[in-house]
C-alpha atoms as a PDB file:
ATOM      1  CA  MET A   1     -21.228   7.283 -17.162  1.00  0.00           C
ATOM      2  CA  VAL A   2     -21.904   7.583 -13.423  1.00  0.00           C
ATOM      3  CA  LYS A   3     -24.966   5.577 -12.362  1.00  0.00           C
ATOM      4  CA  GLN A   4     -26.918   6.862  -9.375  1.00  0.00           C
ATOM      5  CA  THR A   5     -30.235   5.716  -7.931  1.00  0.00           C
ATOM      6  CA  ALA A   6     -30.130   7.312  -4.479  1.00  0.00           C
ATOM      7  CA  GLY A   7     -32.634   9.994  -5.480  1.00  0.00           C
ATOM      8  CA  ARG A   8     -35.250   7.556  -6.713  1.00  0.00           C
ATOM      9  CA  ASP A   9     -34.557   5.154  -3.846  1.00  0.00           C
ATOM     10  CA  SER A  10     -35.117   7.824  -1.183  1.00  0.00           C
ATOM     11  CA  LEU A  11     -37.440  10.368  -2.798  1.00  0.00           C
ATOM     12  CA  GLY A  12     -38.884   8.721  -5.883  1.00  0.00           C
ATOM     13  CA  ASP A  13     -42.430   8.661  -4.466  1.00  0.00           C
ATOM     14  CA  PHE A  14     -42.258  11.949  -2.531  1.00  0.00           C
ATOM     15  CA  ALA A  15     -40.339  14.189  -4.970  1.00  0.00           C
ATOM     16  CA  PRO A  16     -39.945  12.379  -8.284  1.00  0.00           C
ATOM     17  CA  LYS A  17     -38.648  15.438 -10.180  1.00  0.00           C
ATOM     18  CA  PHE A  18     -35.950  16.125  -7.593  1.00  0.00           C
ATOM     19  CA  ALA A  19     -35.005  12.444  -7.714  1.00  0.00           C
ATOM     20  CA  GLU A  20     -34.763  12.608 -11.497  1.00  0.00           C
ATOM     21  CA  LEU A  21     -32.571  15.722 -11.418  1.00  0.00           C
ATOM     22  CA  ASN A  22     -30.314  14.177  -8.790  1.00  0.00           C
ATOM     23  CA  ASP A  23     -29.842  10.833 -10.525  1.00  0.00           C
ATOM     24  CA  ASP A  24     -29.995  11.753 -14.200  1.00  0.00           C
ATOM     25  CA  VAL A  25     -28.688  15.324 -14.365  1.00  0.00           C
ATOM     26  CA  LEU A  26     -26.335  15.838 -11.431  1.00  0.00           C
ATOM     27  CA  PHE A  27     -24.748  12.391 -11.591  1.00  0.00           C
ATOM     28  CA  GLY A  28     -25.801  11.134 -15.008  1.00  0.00           C
ATOM     29  CA  GLU A  29     -24.658  14.272 -16.847  1.00  0.00           C
ATOM     30  CA  VAL A  30     -22.517  16.605 -14.723  1.00  0.00           C
ATOM     31  CA  TRP A  31     -20.491  13.949 -12.903  1.00  0.00           C
ATOM     32  CA  SER A  32     -20.116  12.015 -16.147  1.00  0.00           C
ATOM     33  CA  ARG A  33     -18.392  14.830 -18.068  1.00  0.00           C
ATOM     34  CA  GLU A  34     -14.919  13.343 -17.573  1.00  0.00           C
ATOM     35  CA  ASP A  35     -13.657  15.161 -20.664  1.00  0.00           C
ATOM     36  CA  ARG A  36     -13.975  18.384 -18.619  1.00  0.00           C
ATOM     37  CA  LEU A  37     -12.961  17.186 -15.144  1.00  0.00           C
ATOM     38  CA  SER A  38     -11.984  13.725 -13.960  1.00  0.00           C
ATOM     39  CA  LEU A  39     -14.015  11.917 -11.304  1.00  0.00           C
ATOM     40  CA  ARG A  40     -11.043  12.428  -8.995  1.00  0.00           C
ATOM     41  CA  ASP A  41     -11.116  16.201  -9.497  1.00  0.00           C
ATOM     42  CA  ARG A  42     -14.896  16.360  -9.090  1.00  0.00           C
ATOM     43  CA  SER A  43     -14.617  14.397  -5.842  1.00  0.00           C
ATOM     44  CA  LEU A  44     -12.090  16.899  -4.488  1.00  0.00           C
ATOM     45  CA  VAL A  45     -14.262  19.868  -5.459  1.00  0.00           C
ATOM     46  CA  THR A  46     -17.323  18.283  -3.868  1.00  0.00           C
ATOM     47  CA  VAL A  47     -15.579  17.340  -0.621  1.00  0.00           C
ATOM     48  CA  VAL A  48     -14.216  20.865  -0.168  1.00  0.00           C
ATOM     49  CA  SER A  49     -17.594  22.426  -1.049  1.00  0.00           C
ATOM     50  CA  LEU A  50     -19.460  20.312   1.517  1.00  0.00           C
ATOM     51  CA  MET A  51     -16.791  20.901   4.158  1.00  0.00           C
ATOM     52  CA  SER A  52     -16.961  24.678   3.645  1.00  0.00           C
ATOM     53  CA  GLN A  53     -20.685  24.520   4.450  1.00  0.00           C
ATOM     54  CA  GLY A  54     -20.059  22.485   7.583  1.00  0.00           C
ATOM     55  CA  LEU A  55     -21.927  19.501   6.159  1.00  0.00           C
ATOM     56  CA  THR A  56     -20.488  16.320   7.660  1.00  0.00           C
ATOM     57  CA  ASP A  57     -23.557  14.129   7.337  1.00  0.00           C
ATOM     58  CA  SER A  58     -24.103  10.921   5.367  1.00  0.00           C
ATOM     59  CA  SER A  59     -23.730  12.768   2.061  1.00  0.00           C
ATOM     60  CA  PHE A  60     -20.290  14.009   3.101  1.00  0.00           C
ATOM     61  CA  ARG A  61     -19.243  10.484   4.024  1.00  0.00           C
ATOM     62  CA  TYR A  62     -20.552   9.225   0.664  1.00  0.00           C
ATOM     63  CA  HIS A  63     -18.378  11.738  -1.178  1.00  0.00           C
ATOM     64  CA  LEU A  64     -15.347  10.942   0.965  1.00  0.00           C
ATOM     65  CA  GLU A  65     -15.813   7.272   0.093  1.00  0.00           C
ATOM     66  CA  SER A  66     -16.197   8.221  -3.568  1.00  0.00           C
ATOM     67  CA  ALA A  67     -12.999  10.291  -3.365  1.00  0.00           C
ATOM     68  CA  ARG A  68     -11.127   7.288  -2.046  1.00  0.00           C
ATOM     69  CA  ARG A  69     -12.528   5.058  -4.816  1.00  0.00           C
ATOM     70  CA  ASP A  70     -11.523   7.721  -7.332  1.00  0.00           C
ATOM     71  CA  GLY A  71      -7.894   7.448  -6.220  1.00  0.00           C
ATOM     72  CA  ILE A  72      -7.458  10.037  -3.461  1.00  0.00           C
ATOM     73  CA  THR A  73      -4.952   8.696  -0.941  1.00  0.00           C
ATOM     74  CA  ARG A  74      -4.964   9.195   2.807  1.00  0.00           C
ATOM     75  CA  ALA A  75      -2.042  11.629   2.564  1.00  0.00           C
ATOM     76  CA  GLU A  76      -3.764  13.615  -0.196  1.00  0.00           C
ATOM     77  CA  ILE A  77      -7.111  14.016   1.617  1.00  0.00           C
ATOM     78  CA  ALA A  78      -5.252  15.129   4.738  1.00  0.00           C
ATOM     79  CA  GLU A  79      -3.470  17.813   2.733  1.00  0.00           C
ATOM     80  CA  VAL A  80      -6.686  18.897   0.975  1.00  0.00           C
ATOM     81  CA  LEU A  81      -8.584  19.319   4.266  1.00  0.00           C
ATOM     82  CA  THR A  82      -5.626  21.113   5.868  1.00  0.00           C
ATOM     83  CA  HIS A  83      -5.462  23.587   2.989  1.00  0.00           C
ATOM     84  CA  ALA A  84      -9.230  24.116   2.975  1.00  0.00           C
ATOM     85  CA  ALA A  85      -9.252  24.714   6.745  1.00  0.00           C
ATOM     86  CA  PHE A  86      -7.673  28.136   6.265  1.00  0.00           C
ATOM     87  CA  TYR A  87     -10.537  29.192   3.995  1.00  0.00           C
ATOM     88  CA  ALA A  88     -13.507  27.175   5.258  1.00  0.00           C
ATOM     89  CA  GLY A  89     -12.821  27.332   8.986  1.00  0.00           C
ATOM     90  CA  TRP A  90     -10.922  25.373  11.616  1.00  0.00           C
ATOM     91  CA  PRO A  91     -13.929  23.754  13.378  1.00  0.00           C
ATOM     92  CA  LYS A  92     -15.264  22.545  10.023  1.00  0.00           C
ATOM     93  CA  ALA A  93     -11.905  20.968   9.279  1.00  0.00           C
ATOM     94  CA  TRP A  94     -11.927  19.137  12.609  1.00  0.00           C
ATOM     95  CA  ALA A  95     -15.326  17.675  11.825  1.00  0.00           C
ATOM     96  CA  ALA A  96     -14.225  16.691   8.327  1.00  0.00           C
ATOM     97  CA  PHE A  97     -11.034  15.054   9.622  1.00  0.00           C
ATOM     98  CA  ASN A  98     -12.973  12.944  12.106  1.00  0.00           C
ATOM     99  CA  MET A  99     -14.978  11.399   9.274  1.00  0.00           C
ATOM    100  CA  ALA A 100     -12.040  11.155   6.859  1.00  0.00           C
ATOM    101  CA  LYS A 101     -10.047   9.179   9.451  1.00  0.00           C
ATOM    102  CA  GLU A 102     -12.811   6.565   9.478  1.00  0.00           C
ATOM    103  CA  VAL A 103     -13.003   6.333   5.683  1.00  0.00           C
ATOM    104  CA  TRP A 104      -9.221   5.913   5.252  1.00  0.00           C
ATOM    105  CA  ALA A 105      -8.714   3.931   8.482  1.00  0.00           C
ATOM    106  CA  ASP A 106      -7.348   0.805   6.776  1.00  0.00           C
ATOM    107  CA  GLU A 107      -4.963   2.594   4.406  1.00  0.00           C
ATOM    108  CA  PRO A 108      -1.313   2.861   5.458  1.00  0.00           C
ATOM    109  CA  ALA A 109      -0.237   6.315   6.602  1.00  0.00           C
ATOM    110  CA  ASP A 110       2.765   6.175   4.294  1.00  0.00           C
ATOM    111  CA  GLU A 111       1.675   7.167   0.797  1.00  0.00           C
ATOM    112  CA  ALA A 112       4.658   5.441  -0.823  1.00  0.00           C
ATOM    113  CA  MET A 113       3.786   2.271   1.058  1.00  0.00           C
ATOM    114  CA  ALA A 114       0.206   2.538  -0.187  1.00  0.00           C
ATOM    115  CA  ARG A 115       1.400   2.939  -3.785  1.00  0.00           C
ATOM    116  CA  HIS A 116       3.699  -0.066  -3.365  1.00  0.00           C
ATOM    117  CA  GLN A 117       0.747  -2.175  -2.268  1.00  0.00           C
ATOM    118  CA  THR A 118      -1.114  -1.332  -5.498  1.00  0.00           C
ATOM    119  CA  GLU A 119       1.802  -2.713  -7.532  1.00  0.00           C
ATOM    120  CA  MET A 120       1.351  -6.315  -6.389  1.00  0.00           C
ATOM    121  CA  VAL A 121      -1.371  -8.842  -5.702  1.00  0.00           C
ATOM    122  CA  PHE A 122       0.121 -10.063  -2.425  1.00  0.00           C
ATOM    123  CA  PRO A 123      -0.527  -8.173   0.824  1.00  0.00           C
ATOM    124  CA  ILE A 124       2.284  -6.295   2.561  1.00  0.00           C
ATOM    125  CA  GLY A 125       1.279  -7.966   5.803  1.00  0.00           C
ATOM    126  CA  GLN A 126       2.251  -7.082   9.338  1.00  0.00           C
ATOM    127  CA  PRO A 127       5.466  -5.603  10.756  1.00  0.00           C
ATOM    128  CA  ASN A 128       8.040  -8.372  10.985  1.00  0.00           C
ATOM    129  CA  ASP A 129       8.661  -7.713  14.671  1.00  0.00           C
ATOM    130  CA  ALA A 130       9.696 -11.276  15.545  1.00  0.00           C
ATOM    131  CA  TYR A 131      12.789 -10.916  13.328  1.00  0.00           C
ATOM    132  CA  ALA A 132      13.339  -7.171  13.660  1.00  0.00           C
ATOM    133  CA  GLN A 133      16.688  -7.737  15.400  1.00  0.00           C
ATOM    134  CA  TYR A 134      18.012  -9.273  12.177  1.00  0.00           C
ATOM    135  CA  PHE A 135      17.079  -6.315   9.940  1.00  0.00           C
ATOM    136  CA  VAL A 136      18.356  -2.801   9.382  1.00  0.00           C
ATOM    137  CA  GLY A 137      15.132  -0.796   8.903  1.00  0.00           C
ATOM    138  CA  ARG A 138      11.562  -2.078   8.992  1.00  0.00           C
ATOM    139  CA  SER A 139      10.253  -5.110   7.161  1.00  0.00           C
ATOM    140  CA  TYR A 140       6.802  -6.697   6.828  1.00  0.00           C
ATOM    141  CA  LEU A 141       5.717 -10.306   6.514  1.00  0.00           C
ATOM    142  CA  ALA A 142       2.663 -11.906   4.887  1.00  0.00           C
ATOM    143  CA  PRO A 143       2.324 -15.729   4.787  1.00  0.00           C
ATOM    144  CA  VAL A 144       1.237 -16.888   1.320  1.00  0.00           C
ATOM    145  CA  SER A 145       1.375 -20.641   1.977  1.00  0.00           C
ATOM    146  CA  THR A 146       2.344 -22.601   5.083  1.00  0.00           C
ATOM    147  CA  THR A 147       1.601 -26.116   3.814  1.00  0.00           C
ATOM    148  CA  GLN A 148       3.931 -28.341   1.739  1.00  0.00           C
ATOM    149  CA  MET A 149       6.586 -25.612   1.930  1.00  0.00           C
ATOM    150  CA  GLY A 150       6.728 -22.117   3.379  1.00  0.00           C
ATOM    151  CA  VAL A 151       6.073 -19.235   0.994  1.00  0.00           C
ATOM    152  CA  PHE A 152       6.129 -15.724   2.460  1.00  0.00           C
ATOM    153  CA  ASN A 153       5.814 -12.276   0.943  1.00  0.00           C
ATOM    154  CA  VAL A 154       8.535 -10.151   2.543  1.00  0.00           C
ATOM    155  CA  THR A 155       8.379  -6.373   2.104  1.00  0.00           C
ATOM    156  CA  PHE A 156      11.224  -3.977   2.878  1.00  0.00           C
ATOM    157  CA  GLU A 157      10.920  -0.223   3.345  1.00  0.00           C
ATOM    158  CA  PRO A 158      13.511   1.854   1.400  1.00  0.00           C
ATOM    159  CA  GLY A 159      17.010   1.127   2.671  1.00  0.00           C
ATOM    160  CA  CYS A 160      15.913  -1.903   4.709  1.00  0.00           C
ATOM    161  CA  ARG A 161      17.930  -5.110   4.421  1.00  0.00           C
ATOM    162  CA  ASN A 162      18.374  -8.258   6.456  1.00  0.00           C
ATOM    163  CA  ASN A 163      21.645  -9.256   8.103  1.00  0.00           C
ATOM    164  CA  TRP A 164      24.131 -11.532   6.457  1.00  0.00           C
ATOM    165  CA  HIS A 165      22.775 -15.026   6.976  1.00  0.00           C
ATOM    166  CA  ILE A 166      23.183 -18.653   5.907  1.00  0.00           C
ATOM    167  CA  HIS A 167      20.588 -21.317   5.171  1.00  0.00           C
ATOM    168  CA  HIS A 168      22.365 -24.440   6.341  1.00  0.00           C
ATOM    169  CA  ALA A 169      21.434 -27.902   5.085  1.00  0.00           C
ATOM    170  CA  GLU A 170      23.025 -31.336   4.854  1.00  0.00           C
ATOM    171  CA  THR A 171      21.181 -32.042   1.601  1.00  0.00           C
ATOM    172  CA  GLY A 172      18.823 -29.861  -0.421  1.00  0.00           C
ATOM    173  CA  GLY A 173      17.802 -26.699   1.355  1.00  0.00           C
ATOM    174  CA  GLY A 174      18.525 -23.108   0.416  1.00  0.00           C
ATOM    175  CA  GLN A 175      16.035 -20.457  -0.614  1.00  0.00           C
ATOM    176  CA  ILE A 176      14.356 -19.050  -3.729  1.00  0.00           C
ATOM    177  CA  LEU A 177      13.392 -15.364  -4.010  1.00  0.00           C
ATOM    178  CA  ILE A 178      10.782 -14.258  -6.570  1.00  0.00           C
ATOM    179  CA  CYS A 179      10.702 -10.479  -6.886  1.00  0.00           C
ATOM    180  CA  VAL A 180       7.178  -9.071  -7.139  1.00  0.00           C
ATOM    181  CA  ALA A 181       7.361  -5.265  -6.691  1.00  0.00           C
ATOM    182  CA  GLY A 182       9.787  -2.386  -6.289  1.00  0.00           C
ATOM    183  CA  LYS A 183      13.594  -2.443  -6.532  1.00  0.00           C
ATOM    184  CA  GLY A 184      15.843  -4.590  -4.397  1.00  0.00           C
ATOM    185  CA  ARG A 185      19.396  -5.785  -3.873  1.00  0.00           C
ATOM    186  CA  TYR A 186      21.046  -9.157  -3.303  1.00  0.00           C
ATOM    187  CA  GLN A 187      24.636 -10.062  -2.524  1.00  0.00           C
ATOM    188  CA  GLU A 188      26.556 -13.235  -1.754  1.00  0.00           C
ATOM    189  CA  TRP A 189      29.658 -13.122   0.426  1.00  0.00           C
ATOM    190  CA  GLY A 190      32.624 -12.032  -1.718  1.00  0.00           C
ATOM    191  CA  GLY A 191      30.416 -11.244  -4.732  1.00  0.00           C
ATOM    192  CA  GLU A 192      28.979  -8.134  -6.342  1.00  0.00           C
ATOM    193  CA  ILE A 193      25.641  -6.584  -5.392  1.00  0.00           C
ATOM    194  CA  ARG A 194      22.873  -7.607  -7.789  1.00  0.00           C
ATOM    195  CA  GLU A 195      19.967  -5.242  -8.466  1.00  0.00           C
ATOM    196  CA  LEU A 196      16.550  -6.914  -8.310  1.00  0.00           C
ATOM    197  CA  ASN A 197      13.405  -5.968 -10.235  1.00  0.00           C
ATOM    198  CA  PRO A 198       9.908  -7.474 -10.528  1.00  0.00           C
ATOM    199  CA  GLY A 199      10.083 -10.834 -12.261  1.00  0.00           C
ATOM    200  CA  ASP A 200      13.672 -11.574 -11.230  1.00  0.00           C
ATOM    201  CA  VAL A 201      14.353 -14.899  -9.526  1.00  0.00           C
ATOM    202  CA  VAL A 202      17.239 -15.540  -7.148  1.00  0.00           C
ATOM    203  CA  ASN A 203      18.308 -19.119  -6.410  1.00  0.00           C
ATOM    204  CA  ILE A 204      20.263 -19.189  -3.157  1.00  0.00           C
ATOM    205  CA  PRO A 205      22.124 -22.468  -2.557  1.00  0.00           C
ATOM    206  CA  ALA A 206      22.354 -23.907   0.923  1.00  0.00           C
ATOM    207  CA  ASN A 207      25.366 -22.889   3.041  1.00  0.00           C
ATOM    208  CA  VAL A 208      25.990 -19.633   1.119  1.00  0.00           C
ATOM    209  CA  LYS A 209      26.325 -16.442   3.177  1.00  0.00           C
ATOM    210  CA  HIS A 210      24.208 -13.647   1.697  1.00  0.00           C
ATOM    211  CA  TRP A 211      21.796 -10.763   2.327  1.00  0.00           C
ATOM    212  CA  HIS A 212      18.889  -9.138   0.467  1.00  0.00           C
ATOM    213  CA  GLY A 213      16.703  -6.068   0.855  1.00  0.00           C
ATOM    214  CA  ALA A 214      15.375  -2.889  -0.744  1.00  0.00           C
ATOM    215  CA  ALA A 215      17.191  -0.266  -2.769  1.00  0.00           C
ATOM    216  CA  PRO A 216      17.789   3.041  -0.925  1.00  0.00           C
ATOM    217  CA  ASP A 217      15.047   4.846  -2.842  1.00  0.00           C
ATOM    218  CA  SER A 218      12.357   2.173  -3.258  1.00  0.00           C
ATOM    219  CA  TRP A 219      10.072  -0.182  -1.389  1.00  0.00           C
ATOM    220  CA  PHE A 220      10.697  -3.801  -2.343  1.00  0.00           C
ATOM    221  CA  SER A 221       8.820  -7.095  -2.009  1.00  0.00           C
ATOM    222  CA  HIS A 222       9.761 -10.654  -2.837  1.00  0.00           C
ATOM    223  CA  LEU A 223       8.304 -14.085  -2.235  1.00  0.00           C
ATOM    224  CA  ALA A 224      10.667 -16.130  -0.070  1.00  0.00           C
ATOM    225  CA  ILE A 225      10.430 -19.886  -0.659  1.00  0.00           C
ATOM    226  CA  GLU A 226      12.218 -22.229   1.712  1.00  0.00           C
ATOM    227  CA  VAL A 227      13.577 -25.194  -0.248  1.00  0.00           C
ATOM    228  CA  PRO A 228      13.037 -28.508   1.584  1.00  0.00           C
ATOM    229  CA  GLY A 229      16.120 -30.354   2.743  1.00  0.00           C
ATOM    230  CA  THR A 230      17.604 -32.405   5.545  1.00  0.00           C
ATOM    231  CA  GLY A 231      19.385 -30.973   8.545  1.00  0.00           C
ATOM    232  CA  THR A 232      18.192 -27.458   7.729  1.00  0.00           C
ATOM    233  CA  SER A 233      18.767 -24.453   9.996  1.00  0.00           C
ATOM    234  CA  ASN A 234      19.211 -20.716   9.657  1.00  0.00           C
ATOM    235  CA  GLU A 235      22.223 -18.799  10.969  1.00  0.00           C
ATOM    236  CA  TRP A 236      21.979 -15.024  11.399  1.00  0.00           C
ATOM    237  CA  CYS A 237      25.274 -13.163  11.154  1.00  0.00           C
ATOM    238  CA  GLU A 238      26.435  -9.545  11.332  1.00  0.00           C
ATOM    239  CA  PRO A 239      24.398  -6.594   9.947  1.00  0.00           C
ATOM    240  CA  VAL A 240      25.116  -5.216   6.473  1.00  0.00           C
ATOM    241  CA  ASP A 241      26.765  -1.879   7.244  1.00  0.00           C
ATOM    242  CA  ASP A 242      26.247   1.221   5.105  1.00  0.00           C
ATOM    243  CA  SER A 243      29.583   0.883   3.280  1.00  0.00           C
ATOM    244  CA  GLN A 244      28.728  -2.662   2.173  1.00  0.00           C
ATOM    245  CA  TYR A 245      25.136  -1.729   1.310  1.00  0.00           C
ATOM    246  CA  ARG A 246      26.001   1.282  -0.835  1.00  0.00           C
END
């Protein structure tokens, strides 16, 4: 059941009956009938209704925020407002978009990327620009731990993979990959490509040439753990071309 106290908070002393109808009937009964329409659907109906009236005040922002909490993505609200613009009016859509941009400001523009983020507890992080020259496609990096040993969440967009590379070490060393979301691929030089899924673990010995990345049709994230060793270094080699990747 939807709980609402805005009516009583704002108008309880001045218009108690209106406050009661707002909190107990509109939200307590109508909004709570999820067997008829889901909260997500009711949010969409309400947003379009308010937009069609040109209402872009605090109530409109409240319902945009509710729509986001009810699962409406940035891409979906953009499509809803675009569709409604042809019926409600272009200037009203502009006003609605200005507020919607603020409400969804911190959500990635890519809907698939946003869905991928919901599949794991670790953040996607920032574009991995410092190492972009060693990747085909775009990757993202989020430090998980930088003490004792480095642990990083690495995220690959569909089709992205790093170059062939080698983790050199005199003793110890190497890398461990723990797959956390999406579908990925891993290959050692001269071996077969291995498909990776959440929960899979890849133990990469030192001095073994290899690459890893996302499947062509899926985002992919793994934790990369650098294994301590002596005389460690990383050697980046040639890119993984399309014939090798596929």
